[in-house]
């Protein structure tokens, strides 16, 4: 082997160490980039989750609590029952008066026919 093609053992190890160092630097820089991309993706996901949370919180204000709803429904049921009771009374009175007026006119017609002859 010619002397110019050979390298010393020291040079060989130095070259190997340099290549390993370059390889490690490349690997670390790749890991750093992957970590940054992962962090950016995580931040984007968290931002969208925060927006969703804000929408849920604002939408929650549009709903009422079931206890309040049930309380209002009970009040409305009492009011409705009272109105229905009054309406029934008024209808009954109206039917009674209509029947009484009808009977009065029938009696009046009979009396006028009986005394009219």
N, C-alpha and C. Protein backbone atom coordinates (compact mmCIF):
# COMPACT_ATOMS: atom_id res chain seq x y z
N UNK A 1 0.83 -1.17 0.00
CA UNK A 1 0.00 0.00 0.00
C UNK A 1 0.88 1.25 0.00
N UNK A 2 0.49 2.17 -0.82
CA UNK A 2 1.31 3.39 -0.82
C UNK A 2 1.10 4.18 0.47
N UNK A 3 2.09 4.88 0.80
CA UNK A 3 2.12 5.66 2.02
C UNK A 3 1.12 6.82 1.98
N UNK A 4 0.80 7.35 0.82
CA UNK A 4 -0.09 8.49 0.72
C UNK A 4 -1.54 8.09 0.96
N UNK A 5 -1.90 6.82 0.70
CA UNK A 5 -3.27 6.37 0.91
C UNK A 5 -3.55 5.99 2.36
N UNK A 6 -2.59 5.82 3.14
CA UNK A 6 -2.81 5.39 4.51
C UNK A 6 -2.94 6.61 5.42
N UNK A 7 -3.72 6.41 6.45
CA UNK A 7 -3.88 7.46 7.45
C UNK A 7 -3.53 6.87 8.79
N UNK A 8 -3.17 7.71 9.69
CA UNK A 8 -2.77 7.22 11.00
C UNK A 8 -4.01 6.85 11.81
N UNK A 9 -3.78 6.08 12.80
CA UNK A 9 -4.87 5.65 13.67
C UNK A 9 -5.51 6.84 14.38
N UNK A 10 -4.70 7.79 14.73
CA UNK A 10 -5.19 9.00 15.38
C UNK A 10 -6.11 9.77 14.43
N UNK A 11 -5.68 9.96 13.19
CA UNK A 11 -6.51 10.65 12.22
C UNK A 11 -7.82 9.91 12.00
N UNK A 12 -7.70 8.59 11.95
CA UNK A 12 -8.91 7.78 11.74
C UNK A 12 -9.91 8.01 12.88
N UNK A 13 -9.46 7.97 14.13
CA UNK A 13 -10.35 8.18 15.27
C UNK A 13 -10.89 9.61 15.32
N UNK A 14 -10.03 10.57 14.97
CA UNK A 14 -10.49 11.95 14.95
C UNK A 14 -11.59 12.14 13.90
N UNK A 15 -11.37 11.53 12.72
CA UNK A 15 -12.37 11.62 11.65
C UNK A 15 -13.67 10.94 12.09
N UNK A 16 -13.56 9.79 12.74
CA UNK A 16 -14.75 9.08 13.24
C UNK A 16 -15.49 9.92 14.28
N UNK A 17 -14.74 10.53 15.18
CA UNK A 17 -15.34 11.36 16.21
C UNK A 17 -16.03 12.58 15.58
N UNK A 18 -15.40 13.16 14.58
CA UNK A 18 -15.98 14.31 13.90
C UNK A 18 -17.28 13.91 13.21
N UNK A 19 -17.29 12.77 12.54
CA UNK A 19 -18.50 12.31 11.86
C UNK A 19 -19.62 12.00 12.88
N UNK A 20 -19.25 11.40 14.00
CA UNK A 20 -20.23 11.13 15.03
C UNK A 20 -20.79 12.43 15.61
N UNK A 21 -19.91 13.42 15.78
CA UNK A 21 -20.35 14.71 16.28
C UNK A 21 -21.32 15.37 15.31
N UNK A 22 -20.99 15.33 14.01
CA UNK A 22 -21.88 15.90 12.99
C UNK A 22 -23.22 15.16 12.98
N UNK A 23 -23.11 13.85 13.09
CA UNK A 23 -24.33 13.04 13.12
C UNK A 23 -25.19 13.40 14.33
N UNK A 24 -24.57 13.56 15.50
CA UNK A 24 -25.29 13.92 16.73
C UNK A 24 -25.90 15.33 16.61
N UNK A 25 -25.14 16.26 16.03
CA UNK A 25 -25.66 17.62 15.85
C UNK A 25 -26.86 17.61 14.92
N UNK A 26 -26.77 16.85 13.84
CA UNK A 26 -27.88 16.74 12.91
C UNK A 26 -29.10 16.12 13.60
N UNK A 27 -28.82 15.10 14.37
CA UNK A 27 -29.91 14.43 15.09
C UNK A 27 -30.56 15.38 16.10
N UNK A 28 -29.77 16.09 16.88
CA UNK A 28 -30.30 17.04 17.85
C UNK A 28 -31.07 18.18 17.19
N UNK A 29 -30.54 18.68 16.08
CA UNK A 29 -31.26 19.76 15.40
C UNK A 29 -32.59 19.24 14.84
N UNK A 30 -32.62 17.99 14.35
CA UNK A 30 -33.87 17.39 13.88
C UNK A 30 -34.85 17.22 15.04
N UNK A 31 -34.34 16.77 16.17
CA UNK A 31 -35.19 16.62 17.35
C UNK A 31 -35.72 17.97 17.82
N UNK A 32 -34.86 19.01 17.78
CA UNK A 32 -35.30 20.36 18.15
C UNK A 32 -36.42 20.83 17.23
N UNK A 33 -36.26 20.63 15.93
CA UNK A 33 -37.30 21.03 14.97
C UNK A 33 -38.59 20.26 15.22
N UNK A 34 -38.47 18.95 15.46
CA UNK A 34 -39.66 18.14 15.73
C UNK A 34 -40.34 18.60 17.02
N UNK A 35 -39.55 18.92 18.02
CA UNK A 35 -40.10 19.40 19.28
C UNK A 35 -40.82 20.74 19.11
N UNK A 36 -40.21 21.65 18.33
CA UNK A 36 -40.85 22.94 18.07
C UNK A 36 -42.15 22.77 17.30
N UNK A 37 -42.14 21.89 16.29
CA UNK A 37 -43.36 21.64 15.53
C UNK A 37 -44.44 21.03 16.43
N UNK A 38 -44.04 20.12 17.27
CA UNK A 38 -44.98 19.50 18.20
C UNK A 38 -45.54 20.54 19.17
N UNK A 39 -44.68 21.42 19.67
CA UNK A 39 -45.12 22.48 20.58
C UNK A 39 -46.09 23.43 19.87
N UNK A 40 -45.77 23.81 18.64
CA UNK A 40 -46.66 24.69 17.87
C UNK A 40 -48.02 24.03 17.64
N UNK A 41 -48.00 22.75 17.31
CA UNK A 41 -49.25 22.01 17.09
C UNK A 41 -50.06 21.93 18.39
N UNK A 42 -49.37 21.71 19.50
CA UNK A 42 -50.04 21.65 20.81
C UNK A 42 -50.65 23.01 21.14
N UNK A 43 -49.92 24.09 20.89
CA UNK A 43 -50.45 25.43 21.15
C UNK A 43 -51.68 25.71 20.29
N UNK A 44 -51.64 25.30 19.02
CA UNK A 44 -52.78 25.49 18.14
C UNK A 44 -53.99 24.71 18.65
N UNK A 45 -53.75 23.47 19.08
CA UNK A 45 -54.84 22.66 19.63
C UNK A 45 -55.41 23.28 20.90
N UNK A 46 -54.55 23.78 21.76
CA UNK A 46 -55.01 24.40 23.00
C UNK A 46 -55.78 25.68 22.72
N UNK A 47 -55.36 26.44 21.72
CA UNK A 47 -56.08 27.66 21.36
C UNK A 47 -57.48 27.32 20.85
N UNK A 48 -57.57 26.28 20.02
CA UNK A 48 -58.91 25.90 19.53
C UNK A 48 -59.77 25.37 20.66
N UNK A 49 -59.18 24.66 21.61
CA UNK A 49 -59.94 24.19 22.77
C UNK A 49 -60.38 25.36 23.65
N UNK A 50 -59.54 26.37 23.79
CA UNK A 50 -59.93 27.56 24.56
C UNK A 50 -61.07 28.29 23.88
N UNK A 51 -61.04 28.38 22.54
CA UNK A 51 -62.14 29.01 21.82
C UNK A 51 -63.43 28.22 22.03
N UNK A 52 -63.33 26.89 21.96
CA UNK A 52 -64.49 26.04 22.19
C UNK A 52 -65.03 26.23 23.61
N UNK A 53 -64.13 26.32 24.56
CA UNK A 53 -64.54 26.52 25.95
C UNK A 53 -65.27 27.86 26.10
N UNK A 54 -64.75 28.90 25.47
CA UNK A 54 -65.40 30.20 25.54
C UNK A 54 -66.79 30.15 24.92
N UNK A 55 -66.94 29.41 23.82
CA UNK A 55 -68.26 29.27 23.20
C UNK A 55 -69.21 28.53 24.13
N UNK A 56 -68.71 27.48 24.77
CA UNK A 56 -69.55 26.71 25.69
C UNK A 56 -69.98 27.57 26.87
N UNK A 57 -69.05 28.35 27.40
CA UNK A 57 -69.37 29.21 28.54
C UNK A 57 -70.39 30.27 28.12
N UNK A 58 -70.22 30.85 26.94
CA UNK A 58 -71.19 31.87 26.50
C UNK A 58 -72.54 31.23 26.18
N UNK A 59 -72.53 30.01 25.63
CA UNK A 59 -73.79 29.32 25.34
C UNK A 59 -74.50 28.90 26.63
N UNK A 60 -73.73 28.59 27.65
CA UNK A 60 -74.31 28.16 28.91
C UNK A 60 -75.19 29.25 29.51
N UNK A 61 -74.86 30.50 29.24
CA UNK A 61 -75.65 31.61 29.75
C UNK A 61 -77.03 31.67 29.12
N UNK A 62 -77.20 31.03 27.96
CA UNK A 62 -78.50 31.04 27.29
C UNK A 62 -79.47 30.03 27.90
N UNK A 63 -78.97 29.13 28.69
CA UNK A 63 -79.82 28.10 29.29
C UNK A 63 -80.18 28.49 30.72
N UNK A 64 -81.33 27.99 31.19
CA UNK A 64 -81.71 28.25 32.57
C UNK A 64 -81.55 26.98 33.38
N UNK A 65 -81.43 27.16 34.66
CA UNK A 65 -81.26 26.02 35.56
C UNK A 65 -82.59 25.29 35.68
N UNK A 66 -82.53 23.97 35.75
CA UNK A 66 -83.76 23.17 35.77
C UNK A 66 -84.62 23.48 37.00
N UNK A 67 -84.01 23.82 38.13
CA UNK A 67 -84.81 24.18 39.32
C UNK A 67 -85.64 25.42 39.05
N UNK A 68 -85.02 26.41 38.41
CA UNK A 68 -85.76 27.65 38.08
C UNK A 68 -86.86 27.33 37.07
N UNK A 69 -86.52 26.50 36.08
CA UNK A 69 -87.51 26.13 35.06
C UNK A 69 -88.70 25.41 35.70
N UNK A 70 -88.43 24.44 36.56
CA UNK A 70 -89.50 23.70 37.22
C UNK A 70 -90.35 24.62 38.10
N UNK A 71 -89.70 25.55 38.78
CA UNK A 71 -90.44 26.51 39.61
C UNK A 71 -91.38 27.36 38.75
N UNK A 72 -90.87 27.85 37.62
CA UNK A 72 -91.71 28.65 36.73
C UNK A 72 -92.85 27.82 36.14
N UNK A 73 -92.56 26.56 35.83
CA UNK A 73 -93.60 25.68 35.28
C UNK A 73 -94.71 25.45 36.31
N UNK A 74 -94.33 25.29 37.58
CA UNK A 74 -95.35 25.12 38.62
C UNK A 74 -96.20 26.38 38.74
N UNK A 75 -95.56 27.54 38.71
CA UNK A 75 -96.31 28.80 38.78
C UNK A 75 -97.25 28.93 37.59
N UNK A 76 -96.75 28.58 36.40
CA UNK A 76 -97.59 28.66 35.20
C UNK A 76 -98.75 27.66 35.26
N UNK A 77 -98.50 26.48 35.84
CA UNK A 77 -99.57 25.48 35.96
C UNK A 77 -100.67 26.00 36.91
N UNK A 78 -100.26 26.63 38.00
CA UNK A 78 -101.25 27.19 38.94
C UNK A 78 -102.04 28.29 38.25
N UNK A 79 -101.36 29.16 37.52
CA UNK A 79 -102.04 30.24 36.79
C UNK A 79 -103.00 29.68 35.74
N UNK A 80 -102.53 28.67 34.99
CA UNK A 80 -103.37 28.06 33.95
C UNK A 80 -104.60 27.40 34.55
N UNK A 81 -104.43 26.69 35.67
CA UNK A 81 -105.56 26.04 36.32
C UNK A 81 -106.58 27.08 36.82
N UNK A 82 -106.08 28.20 37.34
CA UNK A 82 -106.97 29.26 37.78
C UNK A 82 -107.75 29.86 36.61
N UNK A 83 -107.07 30.11 35.51
CA UNK A 83 -107.74 30.64 34.32
C UNK A 83 -108.77 29.65 33.80
N UNK A 84 -108.41 28.37 33.76
CA UNK A 84 -109.36 27.34 33.30
C UNK A 84 -110.59 27.27 34.20
N UNK A 85 -110.40 27.40 35.51
CA UNK A 85 -111.50 27.37 36.46
C UNK A 85 -112.43 28.56 36.22
N UNK A 86 -111.85 29.75 36.06
CA UNK A 86 -112.66 30.95 35.82
C UNK A 86 -113.39 30.85 34.48
N UNK A 87 -112.73 30.32 33.47
CA UNK A 87 -113.36 30.16 32.16
C UNK A 87 -114.52 29.18 32.23
N UNK A 88 -114.36 28.10 32.98
CA UNK A 88 -115.44 27.13 33.16
C UNK A 88 -116.63 27.78 33.86
N UNK A 89 -116.35 28.57 34.89
CA UNK A 89 -117.43 29.26 35.60
C UNK A 89 -118.16 30.20 34.66
N UNK A 90 -117.41 30.98 33.88
CA UNK A 90 -118.03 31.92 32.94
C UNK A 90 -118.85 31.20 31.87
N UNK A 91 -118.33 30.08 31.36
CA UNK A 91 -119.08 29.32 30.36
C UNK A 91 -120.35 28.75 30.95
N UNK A 92 -120.26 28.24 32.17
CA UNK A 92 -121.44 27.68 32.84
C UNK A 92 -122.49 28.77 33.06
N UNK A 93 -122.09 29.92 33.52
CA UNK A 93 -123.02 31.03 33.72
C UNK A 93 -123.64 31.45 32.39
N UNK A 94 -122.83 31.51 31.37
CA UNK A 94 -123.32 31.92 30.06
C UNK A 94 -124.36 30.94 29.54
N UNK A 95 -124.09 29.64 29.67
CA UNK A 95 -125.04 28.62 29.23
C UNK A 95 -126.31 28.70 30.06
N UNK A 96 -126.16 28.89 31.37
CA UNK A 96 -127.33 28.99 32.26
C UNK A 96 -128.19 30.19 31.89
N UNK A 97 -127.58 31.35 31.69
CA UNK A 97 -128.34 32.54 31.33
C UNK A 97 -128.99 32.40 29.94
N UNK A 98 -128.29 31.80 29.01
CA UNK A 98 -128.87 31.59 27.68
C UNK A 98 -130.08 30.68 27.76
N UNK A 99 -129.95 29.62 28.55
CA UNK A 99 -131.08 28.69 28.72
C UNK A 99 -132.24 29.40 29.42
N UNK A 100 -131.94 30.21 30.44
CA UNK A 100 -132.99 30.93 31.17
C UNK A 100 -133.70 31.92 30.25
N UNK A 101 -132.96 32.64 29.45
CA UNK A 101 -133.57 33.60 28.52
C UNK A 101 -134.41 32.85 27.49
N UNK A 102 -133.91 31.72 27.01
CA UNK A 102 -134.68 30.91 26.05
C UNK A 102 -135.98 30.41 26.64
N UNK A 103 -135.92 29.90 27.88
CA UNK A 103 -137.13 29.42 28.56
C UNK A 103 -138.09 30.59 28.79
N UNK A 104 -137.56 31.76 29.16
CA UNK A 104 -138.39 32.94 29.36
C UNK A 104 -139.15 33.29 28.08
N UNK A 105 -138.46 33.28 26.94
CA UNK A 105 -139.12 33.62 25.68
C UNK A 105 -140.11 32.54 25.24
N UNK A 106 -139.82 31.29 25.54
CA UNK A 106 -140.78 30.22 25.24
C UNK A 106 -142.04 30.42 26.07
N UNK A 107 -141.87 30.68 27.36
CA UNK A 107 -143.02 30.92 28.24
C UNK A 107 -143.77 32.17 27.77
N UNK A 108 -143.04 33.23 27.43
CA UNK A 108 -143.67 34.46 26.95
C UNK A 108 -144.46 34.20 25.66
N UNK A 109 -143.89 33.41 24.77
CA UNK A 109 -144.59 33.08 23.52
C UNK A 109 -145.84 32.27 23.82
N UNK A 110 -145.77 31.31 24.71
CA UNK A 110 -146.94 30.50 25.07
C UNK A 110 -148.02 31.36 25.75
N UNK A 111 -147.60 32.25 26.64
CA UNK A 111 -148.57 33.14 27.31
C UNK A 111 -149.23 34.05 26.31
N UNK A 112 -148.46 34.58 25.35
CA UNK A 112 -149.04 35.49 24.37
C UNK A 112 -149.99 34.74 23.44
N UNK A 113 -149.68 33.50 23.13
CA UNK A 113 -150.60 32.71 22.28
C UNK A 113 -151.87 32.37 23.06
N UNK A 114 -151.70 32.06 24.33
CA UNK A 114 -152.87 31.66 25.13
C UNK A 114 -153.78 32.84 25.39
N UNK A 115 -153.18 34.03 25.72
CA UNK A 115 -154.00 35.20 25.97
C UNK A 115 -154.33 35.95 24.68
N UNK A 116 -153.60 35.70 23.62
CA UNK A 116 -153.83 36.38 22.37
C UNK A 116 -155.01 35.87 21.61
N UNK A 117 -155.61 34.77 21.89
CA UNK A 117 -156.72 34.17 21.16
C UNK A 117 -158.01 34.67 21.64
